[in-house]
Amino acid sequence: MVPSTVVLLLGGSIREHSYTQSLVRAIAERLETAEGADAHIWNLRNSPLPIADPEYHENPDAHPDSIVRAFAQLASSADAIVLATPIYHNGISGVMKNALDHLTIQHFFLKPVGLASHGEARTTQAVEQLRIVVRGLLGYAITTQVCTSEEDYTCAEMNEAPVLAAASLIDRVSRFCRELAVMAQLMAYARQLLA
């Protein structure tokens, strides 16, 4: 991946010391160190988005909220996107769905999207739901996905974030990042051909 490649990473948890956010950080660090990516984490706890207004469904750049406009602009500039969600009621979190409702096909068209989740027993329910959403936005969900559970992390102290520690998951994150990097290069070329 060339250094100018931009990856937007969106974590669908607003918990302060979240397993999902720890997974997002592990992916971002690997993208930067091993793939030379310019990784941008959008933290929905620190930069919350208002409830999506259907008035701006087709044009989020015209939204009156400056945070929504900044989020949409970052998504537009991204060459690849990573979506990571905790599992709530066998599905994606509400803040993740709301964030995606602020974006349009133009933000995902011919872009690779990596999917990740955190929940009981490494279940894939949430990433499978995200795969359907990404297809609806004309993005391309990569085949490698990362699903973690609590035992995959070091035990965090009361005021510290957990850290991904399971060797098998660290290896999977590496494969995930490599696939995302390769697909970002190929799809950037495809977007040029179709421009």
C-alpha atoms as a PDB file:
ATOM      1  CA  MET A   1       0.000   0.000   0.000  1.00  0.00           C
ATOM      2  CA  VAL A   2       1.407   3.410  -0.910  1.00  0.00           C
ATOM      3  CA  PRO A   3       1.723   5.954   1.937  1.00  0.00           C
ATOM      4  CA  SER A   4      -1.011   8.163   0.472  1.00  0.00           C
ATOM      5  CA  THR A   5      -3.642   5.442   0.870  1.00  0.00           C
ATOM      6  CA  VAL A   6      -6.275   6.633   3.350  1.00  0.00           C
ATOM      7  CA  VAL A   7      -8.264   4.207   5.496  1.00  0.00           C
ATOM      8  CA  LEU A   8     -11.262   5.277   7.560  1.00  0.00           C
ATOM      9  CA  LEU A   9     -11.812   3.069  10.608  1.00  0.00           C
ATOM     10  CA  LEU A  10     -15.194   3.353  12.290  1.00  0.00           C
ATOM     11  CA  GLY A  11     -15.799   1.712  15.666  1.00  0.00           C
ATOM     12  CA  GLY A  12     -19.425   1.275  16.642  1.00  0.00           C
ATOM     13  CA  SER A  13     -18.948   1.488  20.408  1.00  0.00           C
ATOM     14  CA  ILE A  14     -19.158   4.499  22.685  1.00  0.00           C
ATOM     15  CA  ARG A  15     -17.898   2.705  25.814  1.00  0.00           C
ATOM     16  CA  GLU A  16     -14.797   4.437  27.171  1.00  0.00           C
ATOM     17  CA  HIS A  17     -12.603   1.325  27.407  1.00  0.00           C
ATOM     18  CA  SER A  18     -14.204  -0.703  24.666  1.00  0.00           C
ATOM     19  CA  TYR A  19     -13.040  -4.041  23.282  1.00  0.00           C
ATOM     20  CA  THR A  20     -14.295  -2.917  19.873  1.00  0.00           C
ATOM     21  CA  GLN A  21     -12.243   0.294  20.004  1.00  0.00           C
ATOM     22  CA  SER A  22      -9.210  -1.743  21.093  1.00  0.00           C
ATOM     23  CA  LEU A  23      -9.707  -3.944  18.036  1.00  0.00           C
ATOM     24  CA  VAL A  24      -9.977  -0.832  15.845  1.00  0.00           C
ATOM     25  CA  ARG A  25      -6.697   0.490  17.275  1.00  0.00           C
ATOM     26  CA  ALA A  26      -4.960  -2.861  16.672  1.00  0.00           C
ATOM     27  CA  ILE A  27      -6.111  -2.833  13.042  1.00  0.00           C
ATOM     28  CA  ALA A  28      -5.089   0.821  12.568  1.00  0.00           C
ATOM     29  CA  GLU A  29      -1.623   0.202  14.021  1.00  0.00           C
ATOM     30  CA  ARG A  30      -1.101  -2.801  11.750  1.00  0.00           C
ATOM     31  CA  LEU A  31      -2.292  -0.858   8.691  1.00  0.00           C
ATOM     32  CA  GLU A  32       0.173   1.934   9.453  1.00  0.00           C
ATOM     33  CA  THR A  33       3.199  -0.150  10.415  1.00  0.00           C
ATOM     34  CA  ALA A  34       2.941  -3.063   7.988  1.00  0.00           C
ATOM     35  CA  GLU A  35       1.047  -1.551   5.068  1.00  0.00           C
ATOM     36  CA  GLY A  36       2.082   2.124   5.156  1.00  0.00           C
ATOM     37  CA  ALA A  37      -1.523   3.315   5.315  1.00  0.00           C
ATOM     38  CA  ASP A  38      -2.752   6.658   6.587  1.00  0.00           C
ATOM     39  CA  ALA A  39      -5.271   5.309   9.129  1.00  0.00           C
ATOM     40  CA  HIS A  40      -7.970   7.629  10.499  1.00  0.00           C
ATOM     41  CA  ILE A  41     -10.051   6.362  13.419  1.00  0.00           C
ATOM     42  CA  TRP A  42     -13.466   8.021  13.792  1.00  0.00           C
ATOM     43  CA  ASN A  43     -14.425   7.613  17.435  1.00  0.00           C
ATOM     44  CA  LEU A  44     -18.195   7.933  17.919  1.00  0.00           C
ATOM     45  CA  ARG A  45     -17.721   8.583  21.643  1.00  0.00           C
ATOM     46  CA  ASN A  46     -15.498  11.633  21.034  1.00  0.00           C
ATOM     47  CA  SER A  47     -17.156  12.773  17.796  1.00  0.00           C
ATOM     48  CA  PRO A  48     -20.808  11.708  18.078  1.00  0.00           C
ATOM     49  CA  LEU A  49     -23.113  12.075  15.125  1.00  0.00           C
ATOM     50  CA  PRO A  50     -26.711  13.301  15.426  1.00  0.00           C
ATOM     51  CA  ILE A  51     -29.572  11.030  14.420  1.00  0.00           C
ATOM     52  CA  ALA A  52     -29.464  10.784  10.622  1.00  0.00           C
ATOM     53  CA  ASP A  53     -31.816  13.278   8.992  1.00  0.00           C
ATOM     54  CA  PRO A  54     -33.411  11.922   5.788  1.00  0.00           C
ATOM     55  CA  GLU A  55     -33.436  15.480   4.421  1.00  0.00           C
ATOM     56  CA  TYR A  56     -29.675  15.048   3.780  1.00  0.00           C
ATOM     57  CA  HIS A  57     -29.723  11.380   2.824  1.00  0.00           C
ATOM     58  CA  GLU A  58     -28.572  12.097  -0.735  1.00  0.00           C
ATOM     59  CA  ASN A  59     -26.154  14.895   0.148  1.00  0.00           C
ATOM     60  CA  PRO A  60     -24.510  14.701   3.600  1.00  0.00           C
ATOM     61  CA  ASP A  61     -22.065  17.433   2.525  1.00  0.00           C
ATOM     62  CA  ALA A  62     -24.982  19.876   2.807  1.00  0.00           C
ATOM     63  CA  HIS A  63     -25.831  18.798   6.383  1.00  0.00           C
ATOM     64  CA  PRO A  64     -25.955  21.755   8.828  1.00  0.00           C
ATOM     65  CA  ASP A  65     -23.898  19.836  11.413  1.00  0.00           C
ATOM     66  CA  SER A  66     -20.154  20.369  10.871  1.00  0.00           C
ATOM     67  CA  ILE A  67     -19.313  16.982  12.426  1.00  0.00           C
ATOM     68  CA  VAL A  68     -21.517  15.184   9.897  1.00  0.00           C
ATOM     69  CA  ARG A  69     -19.852  17.103   7.054  1.00  0.00           C
ATOM     70  CA  ALA A  70     -16.367  16.258   8.372  1.00  0.00           C
ATOM     71  CA  PHE A  71     -17.325  12.579   8.680  1.00  0.00           C
ATOM     72  CA  ALA A  72     -18.716  12.500   5.138  1.00  0.00           C
ATOM     73  CA  GLN A  73     -15.615  14.240   3.762  1.00  0.00           C
ATOM     74  CA  LEU A  74     -13.307  11.740   5.480  1.00  0.00           C
ATOM     75  CA  ALA A  75     -15.363   8.867   4.042  1.00  0.00           C
ATOM     76  CA  SER A  76     -15.149  10.468   0.586  1.00  0.00           C
ATOM     77  CA  SER A  77     -11.362  10.760   0.784  1.00  0.00           C
ATOM     78  CA  ALA A  78     -10.866   7.196   2.044  1.00  0.00           C
ATOM     79  CA  ASP A  79      -9.506   4.520  -0.280  1.00  0.00           C
ATOM     80  CA  ALA A  80     -10.700   1.787   2.096  1.00  0.00           C
ATOM     81  CA  ILE A  81     -12.999   1.554   5.106  1.00  0.00           C
ATOM     82  CA  VAL A  82     -13.012  -0.627   8.216  1.00  0.00           C
ATOM     83  CA  LEU A  83     -16.277  -1.133  10.129  1.00  0.00           C
ATOM     84  CA  ALA A  84     -16.057  -2.665  13.605  1.00  0.00           C
ATOM     85  CA  THR A  85     -19.044  -3.148  15.881  1.00  0.00           C
ATOM     86  CA  PRO A  86     -19.904  -4.673  19.208  1.00  0.00           C
ATOM     87  CA  ILE A  87     -22.717  -7.189  19.003  1.00  0.00           C
ATOM     88  CA  TYR A  88     -25.975  -5.824  20.410  1.00  0.00           C
ATOM     89  CA  HIS A  89     -29.054  -8.084  20.315  1.00  0.00           C
ATOM     90  CA  ASN A  90     -27.395 -10.345  17.709  1.00  0.00           C
ATOM     91  CA  GLY A  91     -26.639  -7.413  15.410  1.00  0.00           C
ATOM     92  CA  ILE A  92     -24.735  -4.200  14.866  1.00  0.00           C
ATOM     93  CA  SER A  93     -24.861  -1.342  17.358  1.00  0.00           C
ATOM     94  CA  GLY A  94     -27.282   1.542  16.944  1.00  0.00           C
ATOM     95  CA  VAL A  95     -24.497   4.126  16.696  1.00  0.00           C
ATOM     96  CA  MET A  96     -22.891   2.127  13.875  1.00  0.00           C
ATOM     97  CA  LYS A  97     -26.152   1.971  11.952  1.00  0.00           C
ATOM     98  CA  ASN A  98     -26.755   5.677  12.520  1.00  0.00           C
ATOM     99  CA  ALA A  99     -23.240   6.532  11.294  1.00  0.00           C
ATOM    100  CA  LEU A 100     -23.741   4.474   8.145  1.00  0.00           C
ATOM    101  CA  ASP A 101     -27.086   6.213   7.565  1.00  0.00           C
ATOM    102  CA  HIS A 102     -25.138   9.486   7.183  1.00  0.00           C
ATOM    103  CA  LEU A 103     -23.203   8.044   4.225  1.00  0.00           C
ATOM    104  CA  THR A 104     -24.199   7.218   0.663  1.00  0.00           C
ATOM    105  CA  ILE A 105     -23.152   5.005  -2.232  1.00  0.00           C
ATOM    106  CA  GLN A 106     -20.614   7.648  -3.326  1.00  0.00           C
ATOM    107  CA  HIS A 107     -18.629   6.991  -0.111  1.00  0.00           C
ATOM    108  CA  PHE A 108     -18.389   3.223  -0.691  1.00  0.00           C
ATOM    109  CA  PHE A 109     -18.478   2.719  -4.461  1.00  0.00           C
ATOM    110  CA  LEU A 110     -15.631   0.410  -5.566  1.00  0.00           C
ATOM    111  CA  LYS A 111     -13.913   0.611  -2.178  1.00  0.00           C
ATOM    112  CA  PRO A 112     -12.804  -2.370  -0.095  1.00  0.00           C
ATOM    113  CA  VAL A 113     -14.425  -2.608   3.313  1.00  0.00           C
ATOM    114  CA  GLY A 114     -13.022  -4.664   6.178  1.00  0.00           C
ATOM    115  CA  LEU A 115     -15.531  -6.003   8.701  1.00  0.00           C
ATOM    116  CA  ALA A 116     -14.884  -6.749  12.370  1.00  0.00           C
ATOM    117  CA  SER A 117     -16.898  -7.352  15.521  1.00  0.00           C
ATOM    118  CA  HIS A 118     -16.622  -8.135  19.201  1.00  0.00           C
ATOM    119  CA  GLY A 119     -19.015 -10.371  21.100  1.00  0.00           C
ATOM    120  CA  GLU A 120     -19.690 -13.674  22.758  1.00  0.00           C
ATOM    121  CA  ALA A 121     -17.892 -16.706  21.285  1.00  0.00           C
ATOM    122  CA  ARG A 122     -16.514 -14.739  18.287  1.00  0.00           C
ATOM    123  CA  THR A 123     -19.929 -14.869  16.643  1.00  0.00           C
ATOM    124  CA  THR A 124     -20.154 -13.585  13.063  1.00  0.00           C
ATOM    125  CA  GLN A 125     -23.757 -12.316  13.212  1.00  0.00           C
ATOM    126  CA  ALA A 126     -22.884  -8.617  13.174  1.00  0.00           C
ATOM    127  CA  VAL A 127     -20.300  -8.849  10.384  1.00  0.00           C
ATOM    128  CA  GLU A 128     -22.778 -10.765   8.256  1.00  0.00           C
ATOM    129  CA  GLN A 129     -25.286  -7.929   8.730  1.00  0.00           C
ATOM    130  CA  LEU A 130     -22.602  -5.390   7.846  1.00  0.00           C
ATOM    131  CA  ARG A 131     -21.781  -7.399   4.725  1.00  0.00           C
ATOM    132  CA  ILE A 132     -25.388  -6.883   3.531  1.00  0.00           C
ATOM    133  CA  VAL A 133     -25.230  -3.140   4.275  1.00  0.00           C
ATOM    134  CA  VAL A 134     -21.898  -2.761   2.451  1.00  0.00           C
ATOM    135  CA  ARG A 135     -23.325  -4.554  -0.585  1.00  0.00           C
ATOM    136  CA  GLY A 136     -26.285  -2.143  -0.545  1.00  0.00           C
ATOM    137  CA  LEU A 137     -23.813   0.761  -0.588  1.00  0.00           C
ATOM    138  CA  LEU A 138     -21.904  -0.811  -3.527  1.00  0.00           C
ATOM    139  CA  GLY A 139     -18.761  -1.367  -1.486  1.00  0.00           C
ATOM    140  CA  TYR A 140     -16.779  -4.635  -1.539  1.00  0.00           C
ATOM    141  CA  ALA A 141     -16.505  -6.420   1.793  1.00  0.00           C
ATOM    142  CA  ILE A 142     -13.196  -8.272   1.884  1.00  0.00           C
ATOM    143  CA  THR A 143     -13.339 -11.995   2.611  1.00  0.00           C
ATOM    144  CA  THR A 144     -11.186 -11.985   5.742  1.00  0.00           C
ATOM    145  CA  GLN A 145     -13.127 -10.781   8.761  1.00  0.00           C
ATOM    146  CA  VAL A 146     -12.095 -10.433  12.409  1.00  0.00           C
ATOM    147  CA  CYS A 147     -14.433 -11.485  15.226  1.00  0.00           C
ATOM    148  CA  THR A 148     -13.177 -11.362  18.808  1.00  0.00           C
ATOM    149  CA  SER A 149     -14.431 -12.258  22.263  1.00  0.00           C
ATOM    150  CA  GLU A 150     -13.337 -11.110  25.700  1.00  0.00           C
ATOM    151  CA  GLU A 151     -10.773 -13.876  26.213  1.00  0.00           C
ATOM    152  CA  ASP A 152      -8.813 -12.615  23.170  1.00  0.00           C
ATOM    153  CA  TYR A 153      -7.677  -9.540  25.142  1.00  0.00           C
ATOM    154  CA  THR A 154      -5.447  -8.911  28.105  1.00  0.00           C
ATOM    155  CA  CYS A 155      -7.350  -8.085  31.252  1.00  0.00           C
ATOM    156  CA  ALA A 156      -7.549  -4.342  31.503  1.00  0.00           C
ATOM    157  CA  GLU A 157      -7.194  -2.375  34.700  1.00  0.00           C
ATOM    158  CA  MET A 158     -10.175  -0.270  35.750  1.00  0.00           C
ATOM    159  CA  ASN A 159      -9.034   2.824  33.817  1.00  0.00           C
ATOM    160  CA  GLU A 160      -7.209   1.174  30.927  1.00  0.00           C
ATOM    161  CA  ALA A 161      -8.345  -0.176  27.588  1.00  0.00           C
ATOM    162  CA  PRO A 162      -7.981  -3.918  26.903  1.00  0.00           C
ATOM    163  CA  VAL A 163      -5.306  -4.991  24.420  1.00  0.00           C
ATOM    164  CA  LEU A 164      -5.718  -7.666  21.760  1.00  0.00           C
ATOM    165  CA  ALA A 165      -3.404 -10.496  22.825  1.00  0.00           C
ATOM    166  CA  ALA A 166      -4.511 -13.798  21.238  1.00  0.00           C
ATOM    167  CA  ALA A 167      -1.831 -14.868  18.742  1.00  0.00           C
ATOM    168  CA  SER A 168      -4.366 -16.361  16.329  1.00  0.00           C
ATOM    169  CA  LEU A 169      -6.312 -13.095  16.225  1.00  0.00           C
ATOM    170  CA  ILE A 170      -3.174 -10.994  15.817  1.00  0.00           C
ATOM    171  CA  ASP A 171      -2.277 -13.178  12.812  1.00  0.00           C
ATOM    172  CA  ARG A 172      -5.807 -12.760  11.463  1.00  0.00           C
ATOM    173  CA  VAL A 173      -5.554  -8.971  11.818  1.00  0.00           C
ATOM    174  CA  SER A 174      -2.341  -9.112   9.770  1.00  0.00           C
ATOM    175  CA  ARG A 175      -4.044 -11.096   6.997  1.00  0.00           C
ATOM    176  CA  PHE A 176      -7.077  -8.790   7.153  1.00  0.00           C
ATOM    177  CA  CYS A 177      -4.871  -5.693   6.770  1.00  0.00           C
ATOM    178  CA  ARG A 178      -2.857  -7.201   3.919  1.00  0.00           C
ATOM    179  CA  GLU A 179      -6.006  -8.124   2.016  1.00  0.00           C
ATOM    180  CA  LEU A 180      -7.480  -4.663   2.595  1.00  0.00           C
ATOM    181  CA  ALA A 181      -4.248  -3.030   1.390  1.00  0.00           C
ATOM    182  CA  VAL A 182      -4.039  -5.082  -1.798  1.00  0.00           C
ATOM    183  CA  MET A 183      -7.716  -4.526  -2.594  1.00  0.00           C
ATOM    184  CA  ALA A 184      -7.364  -0.769  -1.973  1.00  0.00           C
ATOM    185  CA  GLN A 185      -4.664  -0.607  -4.653  1.00  0.00           C
ATOM    186  CA  LEU A 186      -6.644  -2.674  -7.145  1.00  0.00           C
ATOM    187  CA  MET A 187      -9.885  -0.804  -6.587  1.00  0.00           C
ATOM    188  CA  ALA A 188      -8.237   2.616  -6.823  1.00  0.00           C
ATOM    189  CA  TYR A 189      -7.151   1.552 -10.307  1.00  0.00           C
ATOM    190  CA  ALA A 190     -10.680   0.315 -11.088  1.00  0.00           C
ATOM    191  CA  ARG A 191     -12.168   3.671 -10.006  1.00  0.00           C
ATOM    192  CA  GLN A 192      -9.768   5.457 -12.361  1.00  0.00           C
ATOM    193  CA  LEU A 193     -10.843   3.247 -15.257  1.00  0.00           C
ATOM    194  CA  LEU A 194     -14.517   3.914 -14.566  1.00  0.00           C
ATOM    195  CA  ALA A 195     -14.148   7.663 -13.973  1.00  0.00           C
END
